[in-house]
């Protein structure tokens, strides 16, 4: 959830290739939204995908470490020790 202050809008300028702008405008002819709404939604979608990608990468790394622990390649540590280590790094 975002605060009211975070939801305020701010005008920004950006440069975009003409062909992309034309494609956006052609697409928006069929919808009742403007360029700003479209670009905002596209950015939100991209940010969400990138956050999900990071979560999956971290999960893959954690699962790899568990595998290494089970095979005896790295020392086994408890979940409690891991949480304490994470807390100390923050």
PDB file of N, CA and C in Angstrom:
ATOM      1  N   UNK A   1       0.834  -1.170   0.000  1.00  0.00           N
ATOM      2  CA  UNK A   1       0.000   0.000   0.000  1.00  0.00           C
ATOM      3  C   UNK A   1       0.884   1.240   0.000  1.00  0.00           C
ATOM      4  N   UNK A   2       0.440   2.250  -0.694  1.00  0.00           N
ATOM      5  CA  UNK A   2       1.215   3.486  -0.803  1.00  0.00           C
ATOM      6  C   UNK A   2       0.528   4.609  -0.031  1.00  0.00           C
ATOM      7  N   UNK A   3       1.337   5.529   0.464  1.00  0.00           N
ATOM      8  CA  UNK A   3       0.790   6.694   1.147  1.00  0.00           C
ATOM      9  C   UNK A   3       0.246   7.678   0.104  1.00  0.00           C
ATOM     10  N   UNK A   4      -0.557   8.617   0.586  1.00  0.00           N
ATOM     11  CA  UNK A   4      -1.083   9.643  -0.324  1.00  0.00           C
ATOM     12  C   UNK A   4       0.057  10.420  -0.968  1.00  0.00           C
ATOM     13  N   UNK A   5       1.091  10.677  -0.185  1.00  0.00           N
ATOM     14  CA  UNK A   5       2.243  11.405  -0.721  1.00  0.00           C
ATOM     15  C   UNK A   5       2.904  10.626  -1.856  1.00  0.00           C
ATOM     16  N   UNK A   6       2.999   9.312  -1.696  1.00  0.00           N
ATOM     17  CA  UNK A   6       3.609   8.482  -2.731  1.00  0.00           C
ATOM     18  C   UNK A   6       2.744   8.402  -3.979  1.00  0.00           C
ATOM     19  N   UNK A   7       1.443   8.576  -3.819  1.00  0.00           N
ATOM     20  CA  UNK A   7       0.524   8.481  -4.953  1.00  0.00           C
ATOM     21  C   UNK A   7       0.411   9.783  -5.745  1.00  0.00           C
ATOM     22  N   UNK A   8       1.006  10.846  -5.214  1.00  0.00           N
ATOM     23  CA  UNK A   8       1.003  12.099  -5.967  1.00  0.00           C
ATOM     24  C   UNK A   8       1.692  11.870  -7.301  1.00  0.00           C
ATOM     25  N   UNK A   9       1.269  12.603  -8.299  1.00  0.00           N
ATOM     26  CA  UNK A   9       1.913  12.467  -9.602  1.00  0.00           C
ATOM     27  C   UNK A   9       2.852  13.644  -9.828  1.00  0.00           C
ATOM     28  N   UNK A  10       3.826  13.382 -10.660  1.00  0.00           N
ATOM     29  CA  UNK A  10       4.801  14.401 -11.007  1.00  0.00           C
ATOM     30  C   UNK A  10       5.034  14.318 -12.509  1.00  0.00           C
ATOM     31  N   UNK A  11       5.032  15.432 -13.150  1.00  0.00           N
ATOM     32  CA  UNK A  11       5.261  15.447 -14.583  1.00  0.00           C
ATOM     33  C   UNK A  11       6.732  15.200 -14.853  1.00  0.00           C
ATOM     34  N   UNK A  12       7.000  14.287 -15.770  1.00  0.00           N
ATOM     35  CA  UNK A  12       8.375  13.998 -16.181  1.00  0.00           C
ATOM     36  C   UNK A  12       8.433  14.011 -17.702  1.00  0.00           C
ATOM     37  N   UNK A  13       9.602  14.233 -18.195  1.00  0.00           N
ATOM     38  CA  UNK A  13       9.794  14.195 -19.639  1.00  0.00           C
ATOM     39  C   UNK A  13      10.595  12.962 -19.998  1.00  0.00           C
ATOM     40  N   UNK A  14      10.305  12.412 -21.132  1.00  0.00           N
ATOM     41  CA  UNK A  14      11.094  11.278 -21.600  1.00  0.00           C
ATOM     42  C   UNK A  14      11.143  11.298 -23.112  1.00  0.00           C
ATOM     43  N   UNK A  15      12.144  10.654 -23.606  1.00  0.00           N
ATOM     44  CA  UNK A  15      12.284  10.550 -25.058  1.00  0.00           C
ATOM     45  C   UNK A  15      11.953   9.122 -25.451  1.00  0.00           C
ATOM     46  N   UNK A  16      11.251   9.015 -26.567  1.00  0.00           N
ATOM     47  CA  UNK A  16      10.808   7.713 -27.031  1.00  0.00           C
ATOM     48  C   UNK A  16      10.890   7.694 -28.552  1.00  0.00           C
ATOM     49  N   UNK A  17      11.334   6.591 -29.108  1.00  0.00           N
ATOM     50  CA  UNK A  17      11.360   6.516 -30.576  1.00  0.00           C
ATOM     51  C   UNK A  17       9.960   6.738 -31.151  1.00  0.00           C
ATOM     52  N   UNK A  18       9.910   7.426 -32.264  1.00  0.00           N
ATOM     53  CA  UNK A  18       8.641   7.775 -32.893  1.00  0.00           C
ATOM     54  C   UNK A  18       7.816   6.522 -33.197  1.00  0.00           C
ATOM     55  N   UNK A  19       8.474   5.446 -33.638  1.00  0.00           N
ATOM     56  CA  UNK A  19       7.712   4.251 -33.994  1.00  0.00           C
ATOM     57  C   UNK A  19       7.004   3.660 -32.769  1.00  0.00           C
ATOM     58  N   UNK A  20       7.630   3.740 -31.583  1.00  0.00           N
ATOM     59  CA  UNK A  20       6.980   3.235 -30.372  1.00  0.00           C
ATOM     60  C   UNK A  20       5.784   4.102 -30.007  1.00  0.00           C
ATOM     61  N   UNK A  21       5.952   5.397 -30.109  1.00  0.00           N
ATOM     62  CA  UNK A  21       4.861   6.308 -29.805  1.00  0.00           C
ATOM     63  C   UNK A  21       3.671   6.050 -30.735  1.00  0.00           C
ATOM     64  N   UNK A  22       3.962   5.823 -32.012  1.00  0.00           N
ATOM     65  CA  UNK A  22       2.885   5.531 -32.968  1.00  0.00           C
ATOM     66  C   UNK A  22       2.194   4.217 -32.618  1.00  0.00           C
ATOM     67  N   UNK A  23       2.976   3.210 -32.241  1.00  0.00           N
ATOM     68  CA  UNK A  23       2.380   1.928 -31.864  1.00  0.00           C
ATOM     69  C   UNK A  23       1.498   2.067 -30.630  1.00  0.00           C
ATOM     70  N   UNK A  24       1.959   2.835 -29.661  1.00  0.00           N
ATOM     71  CA  UNK A  24       1.155   3.068 -28.456  1.00  0.00           C
ATOM     72  C   UNK A  24      -0.143   3.774 -28.824  1.00  0.00           C
ATOM     73  N   UNK A  25      -0.044   4.819 -29.627  1.00  0.00           N
ATOM     74  CA  UNK A  25      -1.235   5.571 -30.011  1.00  0.00           C
ATOM     75  C   UNK A  25      -2.224   4.694 -30.777  1.00  0.00           C
ATOM     76  N   UNK A  26      -1.717   3.841 -31.664  1.00  0.00           N
ATOM     77  CA  UNK A  26      -2.601   2.938 -32.409  1.00  0.00           C
ATOM     78  C   UNK A  26      -3.293   1.963 -31.461  1.00  0.00           C
ATOM     79  N   UNK A  27      -2.549   1.445 -30.507  1.00  0.00           N
ATOM     80  CA  UNK A  27      -3.125   0.512 -29.535  1.00  0.00           C
ATOM     81  C   UNK A  27      -4.182   1.202 -28.682  1.00  0.00           C
ATOM     82  N   UNK A  28      -3.914   2.418 -28.273  1.00  0.00           N
ATOM     83  CA  UNK A  28      -4.807   3.130 -27.372  1.00  0.00           C
ATOM     84  C   UNK A  28      -6.098   3.592 -28.031  1.00  0.00           C
ATOM     85  N   UNK A  29      -6.148   3.565 -29.364  1.00  0.00           N
ATOM     86  CA  UNK A  29      -7.383   3.923 -30.051  1.00  0.00           C
ATOM     87  C   UNK A  29      -8.520   2.996 -29.632  1.00  0.00           C
ATOM     88  N   UNK A  30      -8.192   1.751 -29.274  1.00  0.00           N
ATOM     89  CA  UNK A  30      -9.207   0.761 -28.908  1.00  0.00           C
ATOM     90  C   UNK A  30      -9.532   0.764 -27.412  1.00  0.00           C
ATOM     91  N   UNK A  31      -8.833   1.587 -26.633  1.00  0.00           N
ATOM     92  CA  UNK A  31      -9.037   1.604 -25.188  1.00  0.00           C
ATOM     93  C   UNK A  31      -9.316   3.020 -24.720  1.00  0.00           C
ATOM     94  N   UNK A  32      -9.925   3.109 -23.563  1.00  0.00           N
ATOM     95  CA  UNK A  32     -10.263   4.421 -23.012  1.00  0.00           C
ATOM     96  C   UNK A  32      -9.222   4.837 -21.975  1.00  0.00           C
ATOM     97  N   UNK A  33      -7.946   4.836 -22.386  1.00  0.00           N
ATOM     98  CA  UNK A  33      -6.875   5.300 -21.506  1.00  0.00           C
ATOM     99  C   UNK A  33      -5.946   6.202 -22.300  1.00  0.00           C
ATOM    100  N   UNK A  34      -5.193   7.010 -21.584  1.00  0.00           N
ATOM    101  CA  UNK A  34      -4.268   7.912 -22.260  1.00  0.00           C
ATOM    102  C   UNK A  34      -2.842   7.351 -22.184  1.00  0.00           C
ATOM    103  N   UNK A  35      -1.926   8.044 -22.816  1.00  0.00           N
ATOM    104  CA  UNK A  35      -0.528   7.591 -22.839  1.00  0.00           C
ATOM    105  C   UNK A  35       0.051   7.456 -21.440  1.00  0.00           C
ATOM    106  N   UNK A  36      -0.222   8.436 -20.590  1.00  0.00           N
ATOM    107  CA  UNK A  36       0.337   8.400 -19.239  1.00  0.00           C
ATOM    108  C   UNK A  36      -0.106   7.156 -18.488  1.00  0.00           C
ATOM    109  N   UNK A  37      -1.372   6.851 -18.569  1.00  0.00           N
ATOM    110  CA  UNK A  37      -1.893   5.657 -17.887  1.00  0.00           C
ATOM    111  C   UNK A  37      -1.235   4.407 -18.460  1.00  0.00           C
ATOM    112  N   UNK A  38      -1.140   4.346 -19.772  1.00  0.00           N
ATOM    113  CA  UNK A  38      -0.530   3.188 -20.421  1.00  0.00           C
ATOM    114  C   UNK A  38       0.924   3.014 -19.977  1.00  0.00           C
ATOM    115  N   UNK A  39       1.692   4.097 -19.999  1.00  0.00           N
ATOM    116  CA  UNK A  39       3.111   4.019 -19.638  1.00  0.00           C
ATOM    117  C   UNK A  39       3.261   3.673 -18.156  1.00  0.00           C
ATOM    118  N   UNK A  40       2.418   4.263 -17.297  1.00  0.00           N
ATOM    119  CA  UNK A  40       2.458   3.919 -15.876  1.00  0.00           C
ATOM    120  C   UNK A  40       2.203   2.430 -15.658  1.00  0.00           C
ATOM    121  N   UNK A  41       1.200   1.888 -16.324  1.00  0.00           N
ATOM    122  CA  UNK A  41       0.873   0.464 -16.168  1.00  0.00           C
ATOM    123  C   UNK A  41       1.995  -0.418 -16.707  1.00  0.00           C
ATOM    124  N   UNK A  42       2.612   0.005 -17.810  1.00  0.00           N
ATOM    125  CA  UNK A  42       3.720  -0.766 -18.377  1.00  0.00           C
ATOM    126  C   UNK A  42       4.908  -0.787 -17.417  1.00  0.00           C
ATOM    127  N   UNK A  43       5.203   0.349 -16.802  1.00  0.00           N
ATOM    128  CA  UNK A  43       6.312   0.434 -15.853  1.00  0.00           C
ATOM    129  C   UNK A  43       6.007  -0.429 -14.625  1.00  0.00           C
ATOM    130  N   UNK A  44       4.778  -0.348 -14.100  1.00  0.00           N
ATOM    131  CA  UNK A  44       4.396  -1.173 -12.949  1.00  0.00           C
ATOM    132  C   UNK A  44       4.565  -2.654 -13.268  1.00  0.00           C
ATOM    133  N   UNK A  45       4.130  -3.042 -14.466  1.00  0.00           N
ATOM    134  CA  UNK A  45       4.235  -4.437 -14.879  1.00  0.00           C
ATOM    135  C   UNK A  45       5.690  -4.890 -14.946  1.00  0.00           C
ATOM    136  N   UNK A  46       6.537  -4.059 -15.503  1.00  0.00           N
ATOM    137  CA  UNK A  46       7.961  -4.385 -15.614  1.00  0.00           C
ATOM    138  C   UNK A  46       8.601  -4.483 -14.234  1.00  0.00           C
ATOM    139  N   UNK A  47       8.287  -3.550 -13.342  1.00  0.00           N
ATOM    140  CA  UNK A  47       8.836  -3.582 -11.989  1.00  0.00           C
ATOM    141  C   UNK A  47       8.397  -4.851 -11.256  1.00  0.00           C
ATOM    142  N   UNK A  48       7.142  -5.220 -11.407  1.00  0.00           N
ATOM    143  CA  UNK A  48       6.626  -6.433 -10.763  1.00  0.00           C
ATOM    144  C   UNK A  48       7.373  -7.663 -11.268  1.00  0.00           C
ATOM    145  N   UNK A  49       7.564  -7.735 -12.584  1.00  0.00           N
ATOM    146  CA  UNK A  49       8.282  -8.881 -13.160  1.00  0.00           C
ATOM    147  C   UNK A  49       9.709  -8.954 -12.646  1.00  0.00           C
ATOM    148  N   UNK A  50      10.369  -7.807 -12.548  1.00  0.00           N
ATOM    149  CA  UNK A  50      11.749  -7.792 -12.073  1.00  0.00           C
ATOM    150  C   UNK A  50      11.837  -8.188 -10.609  1.00  0.00           C
ATOM    151  N   UNK A  51      10.891  -7.735  -9.787  1.00  0.00           N
ATOM    152  CA  UNK A  51      10.872  -8.130  -8.381  1.00  0.00           C
ATOM    153  C   UNK A  51      10.651  -9.634  -8.247  1.00  0.00           C
ATOM    154  N   UNK A  52       9.724 -10.172  -9.036  1.00  0.00           N
ATOM    155  CA  UNK A  52       9.468 -11.615  -9.005  1.00  0.00           C
ATOM    156  C   UNK A  52      10.700 -12.390  -9.451  1.00  0.00           C
ATOM    157  N   UNK A  53      11.372 -11.872 -10.448  1.00  0.00           N
ATOM    158  CA  UNK A  53      12.587 -12.521 -10.944  1.00  0.00           C
ATOM    159  C   UNK A  53      13.645 -12.582  -9.848  1.00  0.00           C
ATOM    160  N   UNK A  54      13.805 -11.481  -9.107  1.00  0.00           N
ATOM    161  CA  UNK A  54      14.778 -11.463  -8.006  1.00  0.00           C
ATOM    162  C   UNK A  54      14.416 -12.472  -6.930  1.00  0.00           C
ATOM    163  N   UNK A  55      13.135 -12.552  -6.599  1.00  0.00           N
ATOM    164  CA  UNK A  55      12.692 -13.518  -5.586  1.00  0.00           C
ATOM    165  C   UNK A  55      13.008 -14.935  -6.045  1.00  0.00           C
ATOM    166  N   UNK A  56      12.727 -15.236  -7.294  1.00  0.00           N
ATOM    167  CA  UNK A  56      12.999 -16.578  -7.813  1.00  0.00           C
ATOM    168  C   UNK A  56      14.502 -16.873  -7.834  1.00  0.00           C
ATOM    169  N   UNK A  57      15.308 -15.870  -8.175  1.00  0.00           N
ATOM    170  CA  UNK A  57      16.760 -16.068  -8.177  1.00  0.00           C
ATOM    171  C   UNK A  57      17.260 -16.365  -6.769  1.00  0.00           C
ATOM    172  N   UNK A  58      16.752 -15.620  -5.788  1.00  0.00           N
ATOM    173  CA  UNK A  58      17.169 -15.843  -4.403  1.00  0.00           C
ATOM    174  C   UNK A  58      16.717 -17.211  -3.917  1.00  0.00           C
ATOM    175  N   UNK A  59      15.513 -17.619  -4.304  1.00  0.00           N
ATOM    176  CA  UNK A  59      15.026 -18.938  -3.930  1.00  0.00           C
ATOM    177  C   UNK A  59      15.887 -20.028  -4.564  1.00  0.00           C
ATOM    178  N   UNK A  60      16.244 -19.855  -5.827  1.00  0.00           N
ATOM    179  CA  UNK A  60      17.131 -20.814  -6.498  1.00  0.00           C
ATOM    180  C   UNK A  60      18.474 -20.909  -5.773  1.00  0.00           C
ATOM    181  N   UNK A  61      19.017 -19.756  -5.370  1.00  0.00           N
ATOM    182  CA  UNK A  61      20.295 -19.753  -4.649  1.00  0.00           C
ATOM    183  C   UNK A  61      20.161 -20.486  -3.318  1.00  0.00           C
ATOM    184  N   UNK A  62      19.061 -20.227  -2.606  1.00  0.00           N
ATOM    185  CA  UNK A  62      18.846 -20.879  -1.312  1.00  0.00           C
ATOM    186  C   UNK A  62      18.706 -22.385  -1.490  1.00  0.00           C
ATOM    187  N   UNK A  63      17.967 -22.801  -2.492  1.00  0.00           N
ATOM    188  CA  UNK A  63      17.783 -24.233  -2.728  1.00  0.00           C
ATOM    189  C   UNK A  63      19.106 -24.888  -3.121  1.00  0.00           C
ATOM    190  N   UNK A  64      19.920 -24.178  -3.862  1.00  0.00           N
ATOM    191  CA  UNK A  64      21.235 -24.691  -4.232  1.00  0.00           C
ATOM    192  C   UNK A  64      22.099 -24.882  -2.990  1.00  0.00           C
ATOM    193  N   UNK A  65      22.039 -23.913  -2.073  1.00  0.00           N
ATOM    194  CA  UNK A  65      22.806 -24.032  -0.832  1.00  0.00           C
ATOM    195  C   UNK A  65      22.315 -25.207   0.001  1.00  0.00           C
ATOM    196  N   UNK A  66      21.015 -25.411   0.056  1.00  0.00           N
ATOM    197  CA  UNK A  66      20.471 -26.562   0.796  1.00  0.00           C
ATOM    198  C   UNK A  66      21.004 -27.857   0.188  1.00  0.00           C
ATOM    199  N   UNK A  67      21.017 -27.924  -1.121  1.00  0.00           N
ATOM    200  CA  UNK A  67      21.565 -29.106  -1.793  1.00  0.00           C
ATOM    201  C   UNK A  67      23.028 -29.322  -1.448  1.00  0.00           C
ATOM    202  N   UNK A  68      23.799 -28.240  -1.439  1.00  0.00           N
ATOM    203  CA  UNK A  68      25.211 -28.344  -1.082  1.00  0.00           C
ATOM    204  C   UNK A  68      25.381 -28.811   0.363  1.00  0.00           C
ATOM    205  N   UNK A  69      24.512 -28.326   1.257  1.00  0.00           N
ATOM    206  CA  UNK A  69      24.575 -28.767   2.650  1.00  0.00           C
ATOM    207  C   UNK A  69      24.261 -30.256   2.764  1.00  0.00           C
ATOM    208  N   UNK A  70      23.238 -30.689   2.059  1.00  0.00           N
ATOM    209  CA  UNK A  70      22.845 -32.101   2.118  1.00  0.00           C
ATOM    210  C   UNK A  70      23.931 -33.015   1.556  1.00  0.00           C
ATOM    211  N   UNK A  71      24.672 -32.521   0.587  1.00  0.00           N
ATOM    212  CA  UNK A  71      25.755 -33.321  -0.004  1.00  0.00           C
ATOM    213  C   UNK A  71      27.058 -33.177   0.788  1.00  0.00           C
ATOM    214  N   UNK A  72      27.050 -32.346   1.822  1.00  0.00           N
ATOM    215  CA  UNK A  72      28.243 -32.157   2.646  1.00  0.00           C
ATOM    216  C   UNK A  72      29.284 -31.248   2.023  1.00  0.00           C
ATOM    217  N   UNK A  73      28.898 -30.497   1.016  1.00  0.00           N
ATOM    218  CA  UNK A  73      29.849 -29.622   0.334  1.00  0.00           C
ATOM    219  C   UNK A  73      30.093 -28.330   1.112  1.00  0.00           C
ATOM    220  N   UNK A  74      29.123 -27.910   1.888  1.00  0.00           N
ATOM    221  CA  UNK A  74      29.282 -26.748   2.759  1.00  0.00           C
ATOM    222  C   UNK A  74      28.701 -27.114   4.125  1.00  0.00           C
ATOM    223  N   UNK A  75      29.170 -26.438   5.178  1.00  0.00           N
ATOM    224  CA  UNK A  75      28.682 -26.778   6.518  1.00  0.00           C
ATOM    225  C   UNK A  75      27.177 -26.538   6.648  1.00  0.00           C
ATOM    226  N   UNK A  76      26.534 -27.442   7.393  1.00  0.00           N
ATOM    227  CA  UNK A  76      25.110 -27.264   7.658  1.00  0.00           C
ATOM    228  C   UNK A  76      24.939 -26.223   8.751  1.00  0.00           C
ATOM    229  N   UNK A  77      23.978 -25.326   8.544  1.00  0.00           N
ATOM    230  CA  UNK A  77      23.646 -24.352   9.577  1.00  0.00           C
ATOM    231  C   UNK A  77      22.139 -24.389   9.788  1.00  0.00           C
ATOM    232  N   UNK A  78      21.722 -24.062  10.985  1.00  0.00           N
ATOM    233  CA  UNK A  78      20.293 -24.100  11.294  1.00  0.00           C
ATOM    234  C   UNK A  78      19.588 -22.885  10.711  1.00  0.00           C
ATOM    235  N   UNK A  79      18.283 -23.002  10.620  1.00  0.00           N
ATOM    236  CA  UNK A  79      17.479 -21.874  10.149  1.00  0.00           C
ATOM    237  C   UNK A  79      17.637 -20.700  11.113  1.00  0.00           C
ATOM    238  N   UNK A  80      17.733 -20.991  12.398  1.00  0.00           N
ATOM    239  CA  UNK A  80      17.897 -19.939  13.396  1.00  0.00           C
ATOM    240  C   UNK A  80      19.204 -19.186  13.155  1.00  0.00           C
ATOM    241  N   UNK A  81      20.286 -19.929  12.912  1.00  0.00           N
ATOM    242  CA  UNK A  81      21.571 -19.285  12.635  1.00  0.00           C
ATOM    243  C   UNK A  81      21.503 -18.439  11.368  1.00  0.00           C
ATOM    244  N   UNK A  82      20.810 -18.938  10.382  1.00  0.00           N
ATOM    245  CA  UNK A  82      20.657 -18.194   9.134  1.00  0.00           C
ATOM    246  C   UNK A  82      19.903 -16.894   9.381  1.00  0.00           C
ATOM    247  N   UNK A  83      18.819 -16.960  10.151  1.00  0.00           N
ATOM    248  CA  UNK A  83      18.051 -15.759  10.457  1.00  0.00           C
ATOM    249  C   UNK A  83      18.884 -14.752  11.241  1.00  0.00           C
ATOM    250  N   UNK A  84      19.664 -15.241  12.211  1.00  0.00           N
ATOM    251  CA  UNK A  84      20.532 -14.346  12.976  1.00  0.00           C
ATOM    252  C   UNK A  84      21.576 -13.692  12.075  1.00  0.00           C
ATOM    253  N   UNK A  85      22.115 -14.466  11.159  1.00  0.00           N
ATOM    254  CA  UNK A  85      23.110 -13.933  10.218  1.00  0.00           C
ATOM    255  C   UNK A  85      22.477 -12.848   9.346  1.00  0.00           C
ATOM    256  N   UNK A  86      21.269 -13.098   8.878  1.00  0.00           N
ATOM    257  CA  UNK A  86      20.572 -12.127   8.036  1.00  0.00           C
ATOM    258  C   UNK A  86      20.280 -10.857   8.836  1.00  0.00           C
ATOM    259  N   UNK A  87      19.893 -11.028  10.088  1.00  0.00           N
ATOM    260  CA  UNK A  87      19.583  -9.877  10.946  1.00  0.00           C
ATOM    261  C   UNK A  87      20.820  -9.028  11.170  1.00  0.00           C
ATOM    262  N   UNK A  88      21.956  -9.671  11.359  1.00  0.00           N
ATOM    263  CA  UNK A  88      23.209  -8.967  11.601  1.00  0.00           C
ATOM    264  C   UNK A  88      23.702  -8.231  10.355  1.00  0.00           C
ATOM    265  N   UNK A  89      23.365  -8.744   9.165  1.00  0.00           N
ATOM    266  CA  UNK A  89      23.776  -8.098   7.916  1.00  0.00           C
ATOM    267  C   UNK A  89      22.938  -6.873   7.610  1.00  0.00           C
ATOM    268  N   UNK A  90      21.732  -6.811   8.162  1.00  0.00           N
ATOM    269  CA  UNK A  90      20.806  -5.701   7.857  1.00  0.00           C
ATOM    270  C   UNK A  90      21.191  -4.428   8.551  1.00  0.00           C
TER     271      UNK A  90
END
